[in-house]
PDB file of N, CA and C in Angstrom:
ATOM      1  N   MET A   1     141.394  73.456 -15.146  1.00  0.00           N
ATOM      2  CA  MET A   1     140.354  73.790 -16.115  1.00  0.00           C
ATOM      3  C   MET A   1     140.476  75.264 -16.498  1.00  0.00           C
ATOM      4  N   VAL A   2     140.352  75.558 -17.777  1.00  0.00           N
ATOM      5  CA  VAL A   2     140.403  76.937 -18.257  1.00  0.00           C
ATOM      6  C   VAL A   2     139.119  77.642 -17.825  1.00  0.00           C
ATOM      7  N   MET A   3     139.270  78.739 -17.131  1.00  0.00           N
ATOM      8  CA  MET A   3     138.104  79.506 -16.694  1.00  0.00           C
ATOM      9  C   MET A   3     137.616  80.384 -17.840  1.00  0.00           C
ATOM     10  N   ALA A   4     136.313  80.451 -18.009  1.00  0.00           N
ATOM     11  CA  ALA A   4     135.741  81.224 -19.120  1.00  0.00           C
ATOM     12  C   ALA A   4     136.191  82.679 -19.080  1.00  0.00           C
ATOM     13  N   SER A   5     136.318  83.255 -17.884  1.00  0.00           N
ATOM     14  CA  SER A   5     136.682  84.664 -17.779  1.00  0.00           C
ATOM     15  C   SER A   5     138.157  84.904 -18.098  1.00  0.00           C
ATOM     16  N   ASP A   6     138.964  83.840 -18.135  1.00  0.00           N
ATOM     17  CA  ASP A   6     140.393  83.975 -18.378  1.00  0.00           C
ATOM     18  C   ASP A   6     140.793  83.550 -19.783  1.00  0.00           C
ATOM     19  N   PHE A   7     139.852  83.189 -20.623  1.00  0.00           N
ATOM     20  CA  PHE A   7     140.204  82.561 -21.887  1.00  0.00           C
ATOM     21  C   PHE A   7     140.698  83.545 -22.931  1.00  0.00           C
ATOM     22  N   TYR A   8     141.847  83.205 -23.510  1.00  0.00           N
ATOM     23  CA  TYR A   8     142.454  83.945 -24.613  1.00  0.00           C
ATOM     24  C   TYR A   8     143.395  82.957 -25.285  1.00  0.00           C
ATOM     25  N   LEU A   9     143.331  82.853 -26.600  1.00  0.00           N
ATOM     26  CA  LEU A   9     144.175  81.908 -27.318  1.00  0.00           C
ATOM     27  C   LEU A   9     144.817  82.614 -28.499  1.00  0.00           C
ATOM     28  N   ARG A  10     146.124  82.469 -28.608  1.00  0.00           N
ATOM     29  CA  ARG A  10     146.865  83.050 -29.735  1.00  0.00           C
ATOM     30  C   ARG A  10     147.754  81.963 -30.308  1.00  0.00           C
ATOM     31  N   TYR A  11     147.698  81.799 -31.636  1.00  0.00           N
ATOM     32  CA  TYR A  11     148.555  80.856 -32.333  1.00  0.00           C
ATOM     33  C   TYR A  11     149.395  81.661 -33.314  1.00  0.00           C
ATOM     34  N   TYR A  12     150.699  81.495 -33.234  1.00  0.00           N
ATOM     35  CA  TYR A  12     151.623  82.227 -34.096  1.00  0.00           C
ATOM     36  C   TYR A  12     152.657  81.250 -34.632  1.00  0.00           C
ATOM     37  N   VAL A  13     152.941  81.337 -35.900  1.00  0.00           N
ATOM     38  CA  VAL A  13     154.062  80.623 -36.495  1.00  0.00           C
ATOM     39  C   VAL A  13     154.688  81.573 -37.506  1.00  0.00           C
ATOM     40  N   GLY A  14     156.020  81.672 -37.471  1.00  0.00           N
ATOM     41  CA  GLY A  14     156.668  82.589 -38.390  1.00  0.00           C
ATOM     42  C   GLY A  14     158.171  82.448 -38.369  1.00  0.00           C
ATOM     43  N   HIS A  15     158.793  83.222 -39.220  1.00  0.00           N
ATOM     44  CA  HIS A  15     160.254  83.239 -39.305  1.00  0.00           C
ATOM     45  C   HIS A  15     160.691  84.517 -40.011  1.00  0.00           C
ATOM     46  N   LYS A  16     161.975  84.807 -39.891  1.00  0.00           N
ATOM     47  CA  LYS A  16     162.568  85.931 -40.614  1.00  0.00           C
ATOM     48  C   LYS A  16     163.514  85.344 -41.633  1.00  0.00           C
ATOM     49  N   GLY A  17     163.283  85.646 -42.891  1.00  0.00           N
ATOM     50  CA  GLY A  17     164.090  85.088 -43.970  1.00  0.00           C
ATOM     51  C   GLY A  17     164.311  86.093 -45.075  1.00  0.00           C
ATOM     52  N   LYS A  18     164.544  85.606 -46.269  1.00  0.00           N
ATOM     53  CA  LYS A  18     164.874  86.503 -47.376  1.00  0.00           C
ATOM     54  C   LYS A  18     163.709  87.415 -47.777  1.00  0.00           C
ATOM     55  N   PHE A  19     162.498  87.078 -47.383  1.00  0.00           N
ATOM     56  CA  PHE A  19     161.343  87.941 -47.668  1.00  0.00           C
ATOM     57  C   PHE A  19     160.952  88.781 -46.457  1.00  0.00           C
ATOM     58  N   GLY A  20     161.792  88.811 -45.416  1.00  0.00           N
ATOM     59  CA  GLY A  20     161.494  89.572 -44.203  1.00  0.00           C
ATOM     60  C   GLY A  20     160.771  88.716 -43.180  1.00  0.00           C
ATOM     61  N   HIS A  21     160.034  89.369 -42.298  1.00  0.00           N
ATOM     62  CA  HIS A  21     159.304  88.669 -41.238  1.00  0.00           C
ATOM     63  C   HIS A  21     157.981  88.148 -41.808  1.00  0.00           C
ATOM     64  N   GLU A  22     157.932  86.842 -42.005  1.00  0.00           N
ATOM     65  CA  GLU A  22     156.724  86.209 -42.528  1.00  0.00           C
ATOM     66  C   GLU A  22     156.061  85.446 -41.390  1.00  0.00           C
ATOM     67  N   PHE A  23     154.738  85.561 -41.274  1.00  0.00           N
ATOM     68  CA  PHE A  23     154.053  84.872 -40.188  1.00  0.00           C
ATOM     69  C   PHE A  23     152.582  84.655 -40.490  1.00  0.00           C
ATOM     70  N   LEU A  24     152.012  83.754 -39.720  1.00  0.00           N
ATOM     71  CA  LEU A  24     150.589  83.464 -39.727  1.00  0.00           C
ATOM     72  C   LEU A  24     150.160  83.494 -38.264  1.00  0.00           C
ATOM     73  N   GLU A  25     149.098  84.224 -37.967  1.00  0.00           N
ATOM     74  CA  GLU A  25     148.672  84.385 -36.580  1.00  0.00           C
ATOM     75  C   GLU A  25     147.152  84.339 -36.492  1.00  0.00           C
ATOM     76  N   SER A  26     146.665  83.616 -35.489  1.00  0.00           N
ATOM     77  CA  SER A  26     145.238  83.582 -35.176  1.00  0.00           C
ATOM     78  C   SER A  26     145.074  83.873 -33.700  1.00  0.00           C
ATOM     79  N   GLU A  27     144.053  84.633 -33.374  1.00  0.00           N
ATOM     80  CA  GLU A  27     143.815  85.024 -31.981  1.00  0.00           C
ATOM     81  C   GLU A  27     142.327  84.913 -31.689  1.00  0.00           C
ATOM     82  N   PHE A  28     141.983  84.193 -30.621  1.00  0.00           N
ATOM     83  CA  PHE A  28     140.604  84.067 -30.170  1.00  0.00           C
ATOM     84  C   PHE A  28     140.459  84.811 -28.855  1.00  0.00           C
ATOM     85  N   GLN A  29     139.475  85.706 -28.782  1.00  0.00           N
ATOM     86  CA  GLN A  29     139.240  86.469 -27.564  1.00  0.00           C
ATOM     87  C   GLN A  29     137.995  85.942 -26.856  1.00  0.00           C
ATOM     88  N   LEU A  30     137.842  86.310 -25.589  1.00  0.00           N
ATOM     89  CA  LEU A  30     136.762  85.812 -24.742  1.00  0.00           C
ATOM     90  C   LEU A  30     135.381  85.984 -25.363  1.00  0.00           C
ATOM     91  N   ASP A  31     135.150  87.091 -26.055  1.00  0.00           N
ATOM     92  CA  ASP A  31     133.828  87.368 -26.629  1.00  0.00           C
ATOM     93  C   ASP A  31     133.579  86.626 -27.944  1.00  0.00           C
ATOM     94  N   GLY A  32     134.534  85.756 -28.361  1.00  0.00           N
ATOM     95  CA  GLY A  32     134.372  84.997 -29.595  1.00  0.00           C
ATOM     96  C   GLY A  32     134.971  85.657 -30.815  1.00  0.00           C
ATOM     97  N   LYS A  33     135.617  86.798 -30.627  1.00  0.00           N
ATOM     98  CA  LYS A  33     136.236  87.472 -31.771  1.00  0.00           C
ATOM     99  C   LYS A  33     137.480  86.697 -32.202  1.00  0.00           C
ATOM    100  N   LEU A  34     137.548  86.408 -33.489  1.00  0.00           N
ATOM    101  CA  LEU A  34     138.711  85.780 -34.099  1.00  0.00           C
ATOM    102  C   LEU A  34     139.416  86.832 -34.935  1.00  0.00           C
ATOM    103  N   ARG A  35     140.699  87.005 -34.674  1.00  0.00           N
ATOM    104  CA  ARG A  35     141.526  87.912 -35.473  1.00  0.00           C
ATOM    105  C   ARG A  35     142.573  87.065 -36.178  1.00  0.00           C
ATOM    106  N   TYR A  36     142.749  87.303 -37.461  1.00  0.00           N
ATOM    107  CA  TYR A  36     143.657  86.522 -38.294  1.00  0.00           C
ATOM    108  C   TYR A  36     144.581  87.476 -39.033  1.00  0.00           C
ATOM    109  N   ALA A  37     145.856  87.121 -39.104  1.00  0.00           N
ATOM    110  CA  ALA A  37     146.813  87.917 -39.877  1.00  0.00           C
ATOM    111  C   ALA A  37     147.756  86.974 -40.601  1.00  0.00           C
ATOM    112  N   ASN A  38     148.062  87.314 -41.858  1.00  0.00           N
ATOM    113  CA  ASN A  38     148.986  86.533 -42.662  1.00  0.00           C
ATOM    114  C   ASN A  38     149.898  87.524 -43.378  1.00  0.00           C
ATOM    115  N   ASN A  39     151.173  87.467 -43.056  1.00  0.00           N
ATOM    116  CA  ASN A  39     152.150  88.363 -43.663  1.00  0.00           C
ATOM    117  C   ASN A  39     153.173  87.514 -44.398  1.00  0.00           C
ATOM    118  N   SER A  40     153.086  87.462 -45.726  1.00  0.00           N
ATOM    119  CA  SER A  40     154.020  86.617 -46.466  1.00  0.00           C
ATOM    120  C   SER A  40     155.142  87.424 -47.120  1.00  0.00           C
ATOM    121  N   ASN A  41     154.884  88.654 -47.502  1.00  0.00           N
ATOM    122  CA  ASN A  41     155.864  89.500 -48.195  1.00  0.00           C
ATOM    123  C   ASN A  41     156.344  88.910 -49.517  1.00  0.00           C
ATOM    124  N   TYR A  42     155.853  87.776 -49.913  1.00  0.00           N
ATOM    125  CA  TYR A  42     156.280  87.148 -51.156  1.00  0.00           C
ATOM    126  C   TYR A  42     155.810  87.988 -52.335  1.00  0.00           C
ATOM    127  N   LYS A  43     156.712  88.333 -53.219  1.00  0.00           N
ATOM    128  CA  LYS A  43     156.422  89.188 -54.381  1.00  0.00           C
ATOM    129  C   LYS A  43     155.717  90.483 -53.959  1.00  0.00           C
ATOM    130  N   ASN A  44     156.204  91.051 -52.869  1.00  0.00           N
ATOM    131  CA  ASN A  44     155.683  92.317 -52.332  1.00  0.00           C
ATOM    132  C   ASN A  44     154.200  92.247 -51.965  1.00  0.00           C
ATOM    133  N   ASP A  45     153.748  91.082 -51.555  1.00  0.00           N
ATOM    134  CA  ASP A  45     152.365  90.903 -51.129  1.00  0.00           C
ATOM    135  C   ASP A  45     152.088  91.754 -49.892  1.00  0.00           C
ATOM    136  N   VAL A  46     150.859  92.167 -49.702  1.00  0.00           N
ATOM    137  CA  VAL A  46     150.488  92.950 -48.525  1.00  0.00           C
ATOM    138  C   VAL A  46     149.954  92.012 -47.440  1.00  0.00           C
ATOM    139  N   MET A  47     150.016  92.477 -46.202  1.00  0.00           N
ATOM    140  CA  MET A  47     149.527  91.682 -45.084  1.00  0.00           C
ATOM    141  C   MET A  47     148.007  91.524 -45.184  1.00  0.00           C
ATOM    142  N   ILE A  48     147.545  90.314 -44.926  1.00  0.00           N
ATOM    143  CA  ILE A  48     146.115  90.024 -44.910  1.00  0.00           C
ATOM    144  C   ILE A  48     145.662  90.034 -43.458  1.00  0.00           C
ATOM    145  N   ARG A  49     144.634  90.788 -43.155  1.00  0.00           N
ATOM    146  CA  ARG A  49     144.051  90.834 -41.807  1.00  0.00           C
ATOM    147  C   ARG A  49     142.550  90.627 -41.935  1.00  0.00           C
ATOM    148  N   LYS A  50     142.023  89.770 -41.087  1.00  0.00           N
ATOM    149  CA  LYS A  50     140.579  89.507 -41.071  1.00  0.00           C
ATOM    150  C   LYS A  50     140.105  89.423 -39.628  1.00  0.00           C
ATOM    151  N   GLU A  51     138.859  89.772 -39.407  1.00  0.00           N
ATOM    152  CA  GLU A  51     138.222  89.623 -38.103  1.00  0.00           C
ATOM    153  C   GLU A  51     136.843  89.032 -38.310  1.00  0.00           C
ATOM    154  N   ALA A  52     136.448  88.173 -37.385  1.00  0.00           N
ATOM    155  CA  ALA A  52     135.121  87.564 -37.431  1.00  0.00           C
ATOM    156  C   ALA A  52     134.758  87.122 -36.019  1.00  0.00           C
ATOM    157  N   TYR A  53     133.517  86.779 -35.821  1.00  0.00           N
ATOM    158  CA  TYR A  53     133.080  86.203 -34.549  1.00  0.00           C
ATOM    159  C   TYR A  53     132.721  84.746 -34.788  1.00  0.00           C
ATOM    160  N   VAL A  54     133.143  83.890 -33.871  1.00  0.00           N
ATOM    161  CA  VAL A  54     132.866  82.462 -33.980  1.00  0.00           C
ATOM    162  C   VAL A  54     131.801  82.076 -32.963  1.00  0.00           C
ATOM    163  N   HIS A  55     131.128  80.965 -33.211  1.00  0.00           N
ATOM    164  CA  HIS A  55     130.065  80.482 -32.344  1.00  0.00           C
ATOM    165  C   HIS A  55     130.628  80.036 -30.998  1.00  0.00           C
ATOM    166  N   LYS A  56     129.820  80.166 -29.956  1.00  0.00           N
ATOM    167  CA  LYS A  56     130.285  79.788 -28.616  1.00  0.00           C
ATOM    168  C   LYS A  56     130.651  78.309 -28.537  1.00  0.00           C
ATOM    169  N   SER A  57     130.075  77.460 -29.393  1.00  0.00           N
ATOM    170  CA  SER A  57     130.431  76.038 -29.374  1.00  0.00           C
ATOM    171  C   SER A  57     131.881  75.827 -29.819  1.00  0.00           C
ATOM    172  N   LEU A  58     132.369  76.653 -30.749  1.00  0.00           N
ATOM    173  CA  LEU A  58     133.775  76.561 -31.144  1.00  0.00           C
ATOM    174  C   LEU A  58     134.671  77.001 -30.000  1.00  0.00           C
ATOM    175  N   MET A  59     134.299  78.058 -29.308  1.00  0.00           N
ATOM    176  CA  MET A  59     135.087  78.521 -28.162  1.00  0.00           C
ATOM    177  C   MET A  59     135.144  77.439 -27.085  1.00  0.00           C
ATOM    178  N   GLU A  60     134.028  76.782 -26.828  1.00  0.00           N
ATOM    179  CA  GLU A  60     134.005  75.706 -25.830  1.00  0.00           C
ATOM    180  C   GLU A  60     134.885  74.533 -26.265  1.00  0.00           C
ATOM    181  N   GLU A  61     134.902  74.217 -27.552  1.00  0.00           N
ATOM    182  CA  GLU A  61     135.744  73.132 -28.053  1.00  0.00           C
ATOM    183  C   GLU A  61     137.225  73.489 -27.921  1.00  0.00           C
ATOM    184  N   LEU A  62     137.596  74.717 -28.205  1.00  0.00           N
ATOM    185  CA  LEU A  62     138.982  75.147 -28.016  1.00  0.00           C
ATOM    186  C   LEU A  62     139.390  75.014 -26.549  1.00  0.00           C
ATOM    187  N   LYS A  63     138.518  75.437 -25.653  1.00  0.00           N
ATOM    188  CA  LYS A  63     138.797  75.308 -24.209  1.00  0.00           C
ATOM    189  C   LYS A  63     138.958  73.840 -23.825  1.00  0.00           C
ATOM    190  N   ARG A  64     138.102  72.972 -24.357  1.00  0.00           N
ATOM    191  CA  ARG A  64     138.174  71.546 -24.036  1.00  0.00           C
ATOM    192  C   ARG A  64     139.498  70.947 -24.503  1.00  0.00           C
ATOM    193  N   ILE A  65     139.911  71.300 -25.715  1.00  0.00           N
ATOM    194  CA  ILE A  65     141.177  70.782 -26.253  1.00  0.00           C
ATOM    195  C   ILE A  65     142.350  71.225 -25.377  1.00  0.00           C
ATOM    196  N   ILE A  66     142.340  72.478 -24.975  1.00  0.00           N
ATOM    197  CA  ILE A  66     143.409  72.995 -24.119  1.00  0.00           C
ATOM    198  C   ILE A  66     143.417  72.279 -22.781  1.00  0.00           C
ATOM    199  N   ASP A  67     142.229  72.093 -22.193  1.00  0.00           N
ATOM    200  CA  ASP A  67     142.129  71.379 -20.914  1.00  0.00           C
ATOM    201  C   ASP A  67     142.574  69.925 -21.043  1.00  0.00           C
ATOM    202  N   ASP A  68     142.057  69.218 -22.027  1.00  0.00           N
ATOM    203  CA  ASP A  68     142.370  67.791 -22.197  1.00  0.00           C
ATOM    204  C   ASP A  68     143.856  67.540 -22.410  1.00  0.00           C
ATOM    205  N   ASN A  69     144.531  68.464 -23.065  1.00  0.00           N
ATOM    206  CA  ASN A  69     145.946  68.278 -23.374  1.00  0.00           C
ATOM    207  C   ASN A  69     146.875  68.966 -22.370  1.00  0.00           C
ATOM    208  N   GLU A  70     146.300  69.539 -21.341  1.00  0.00           N
ATOM    209  CA  GLU A  70     147.057  70.165 -20.250  1.00  0.00           C
ATOM    210  C   GLU A  70     148.076  71.187 -20.750  1.00  0.00           C
ATOM    211  N   ILE A  71     147.695  71.932 -21.762  1.00  0.00           N
ATOM    212  CA  ILE A  71     148.593  72.918 -22.367  1.00  0.00           C
ATOM    213  C   ILE A  71     148.966  74.012 -21.371  1.00  0.00           C
ATOM    214  N   ILE A  72     148.041  74.391 -20.501  1.00  0.00           N
ATOM    215  CA  ILE A  72     148.290  75.452 -19.527  1.00  0.00           C
ATOM    216  C   ILE A  72     149.431  75.074 -18.579  1.00  0.00           C
ATOM    217  N   LYS A  73     149.649  73.787 -18.380  1.00  0.00           N
ATOM    218  CA  LYS A  73     150.698  73.325 -17.460  1.00  0.00           C
ATOM    219  C   LYS A  73     152.098  73.407 -18.069  1.00  0.00           C
ATOM    220  N   GLU A  74     152.205  73.649 -19.371  1.00  0.00           N
ATOM    221  CA  GLU A  74     153.510  73.705 -20.025  1.00  0.00           C
ATOM    222  C   GLU A  74     154.244  75.005 -19.682  1.00  0.00           C
ATOM    223  N   ASP A  75     155.556  74.949 -19.695  1.00  0.00           N
ATOM    224  CA  ASP A  75     156.402  76.095 -19.377  1.00  0.00           C
ATOM    225  C   ASP A  75     157.052  76.609 -20.663  1.00  0.00           C
ATOM    226  N   ASP A  76     156.712  77.837 -21.067  1.00  0.00           N
ATOM    227  CA  ASP A  76     157.279  78.421 -22.280  1.00  0.00           C
ATOM    228  C   ASP A  76     158.802  78.543 -22.204  1.00  0.00           C
ATOM    229  N   GLY A  77     159.339  78.632 -21.001  1.00  0.00           N
ATOM    230  CA  GLY A  77     160.775  78.760 -20.824  1.00  0.00           C
ATOM    231  C   GLY A  77     161.552  77.524 -21.252  1.00  0.00           C
ATOM    232  N   LEU A  78     160.852  76.406 -21.459  1.00  0.00           N
ATOM    233  CA  LEU A  78     161.515  75.167 -21.847  1.00  0.00           C
ATOM    234  C   LEU A  78     161.685  75.018 -23.361  1.00  0.00           C
ATOM    235  N   TRP A  79     161.174  75.971 -24.145  1.00  0.00           N
ATOM    236  CA  TRP A  79     161.333  75.901 -25.596  1.00  0.00           C
ATOM    237  C   TRP A  79     162.797  76.084 -25.947  1.00  0.00           C
ATOM    238  N   PRO A  80     163.308  75.313 -26.913  1.00  0.00           N
ATOM    239  CA  PRO A  80     164.705  75.501 -27.324  1.00  0.00           C
ATOM    240  C   PRO A  80     164.847  76.794 -28.128  1.00  0.00           C
ATOM    241  N   PRO A  81     166.069  77.343 -28.190  1.00  0.00           N
ATOM    242  CA  PRO A  81     166.262  78.544 -29.014  1.00  0.00           C
ATOM    243  C   PRO A  81     166.057  78.199 -30.494  1.00  0.00           C
ATOM    244  N   PRO A  82     165.728  79.187 -31.317  1.00  0.00           N
ATOM    245  CA  PRO A  82     165.547  78.922 -32.755  1.00  0.00           C
ATOM    246  C   PRO A  82     166.800  78.310 -33.373  1.00  0.00           C
ATOM    247  N   ASP A  83     166.598  77.425 -34.304  1.00  0.00           N
ATOM    248  CA  ASP A  83     167.691  76.768 -35.017  1.00  0.00           C
ATOM    249  C   ASP A  83     167.921  77.522 -36.323  1.00  0.00           C
ATOM    250  N   ARG A  84     169.053  78.173 -36.461  1.00  0.00           N
ATOM    251  CA  ARG A  84     169.306  78.997 -37.653  1.00  0.00           C
ATOM    252  C   ARG A  84     169.326  78.151 -38.913  1.00  0.00           C
ATOM    253  N   ALA A  85     169.830  76.936 -38.842  1.00  0.00           N
ATOM    254  CA  ALA A  85     169.857  76.068 -40.029  1.00  0.00           C
ATOM    255  C   ALA A  85     168.447  75.724 -40.469  1.00  0.00           C
ATOM    256  N   ALA A  86     167.566  75.412 -39.521  1.00  0.00           N
ATOM    257  CA  ALA A  86     166.169  75.098 -39.866  1.00  0.00           C
ATOM    258  C   ALA A  86     165.491  76.340 -40.418  1.00  0.00           C
ATOM    259  N   ASN A  87     165.820  77.509 -39.860  1.00  0.00           N
ATOM    260  CA  ASN A  87     165.216  78.758 -40.313  1.00  0.00           C
ATOM    261  C   ASN A  87     165.575  79.008 -41.782  1.00  0.00           C
ATOM    262  N   LYS A  88     166.829  78.806 -42.151  1.00  0.00           N
ATOM    263  CA  LYS A  88     167.234  79.000 -43.547  1.00  0.00           C
ATOM    264  C   LYS A  88     166.561  77.989 -44.453  1.00  0.00           C
ATOM    265  N   LYS A  89     166.419  76.763 -43.983  1.00  0.00           N
ATOM    266  CA  LYS A  89     165.793  75.718 -44.776  1.00  0.00           C
ATOM    267  C   LYS A  89     164.340  76.074 -45.071  1.00  0.00           C
ATOM    268  N   ASN A  90     163.623  76.632 -44.078  1.00  0.00           N
ATOM    269  CA  ASN A  90     162.207  76.956 -44.244  1.00  0.00           C
ATOM    270  C   ASN A  90     161.987  78.150 -45.161  1.00  0.00           C
ATOM    271  N   CYS A  91     163.006  78.927 -45.440  1.00  0.00           N
ATOM    272  CA  CYS A  91     162.848  80.126 -46.257  1.00  0.00           C
ATOM    273  C   CYS A  91     163.001  79.847 -47.748  1.00  0.00           C
ATOM    274  N   MET A  92     163.450  78.685 -48.104  1.00  0.00           N
ATOM    275  CA  MET A  92     163.708  78.402 -49.521  1.00  0.00           C
ATOM    276  C   MET A  92     162.497  77.884 -50.224  1.00  0.00           C
TER     277      MET A  92
END
């Protein structure tokens, strides 16, 4: 079970392509602070950053989803290396 005092969640998806390092990131902190960043670089776009606080019921639901799916038991070392062909495909 995820302990309330240990809770921190970060979601990141991104790649490096012809527009540079493009990514989308969300981060939930113990106090309910949500930090969001979106860096597309498309047509010289600037990075979007937002911060907000979410209700404790959303934080509890995130914890429940993590617990129910046993995400904490997964080993990050088992992820395969990035596929360069897929990376090029996603940049077009």
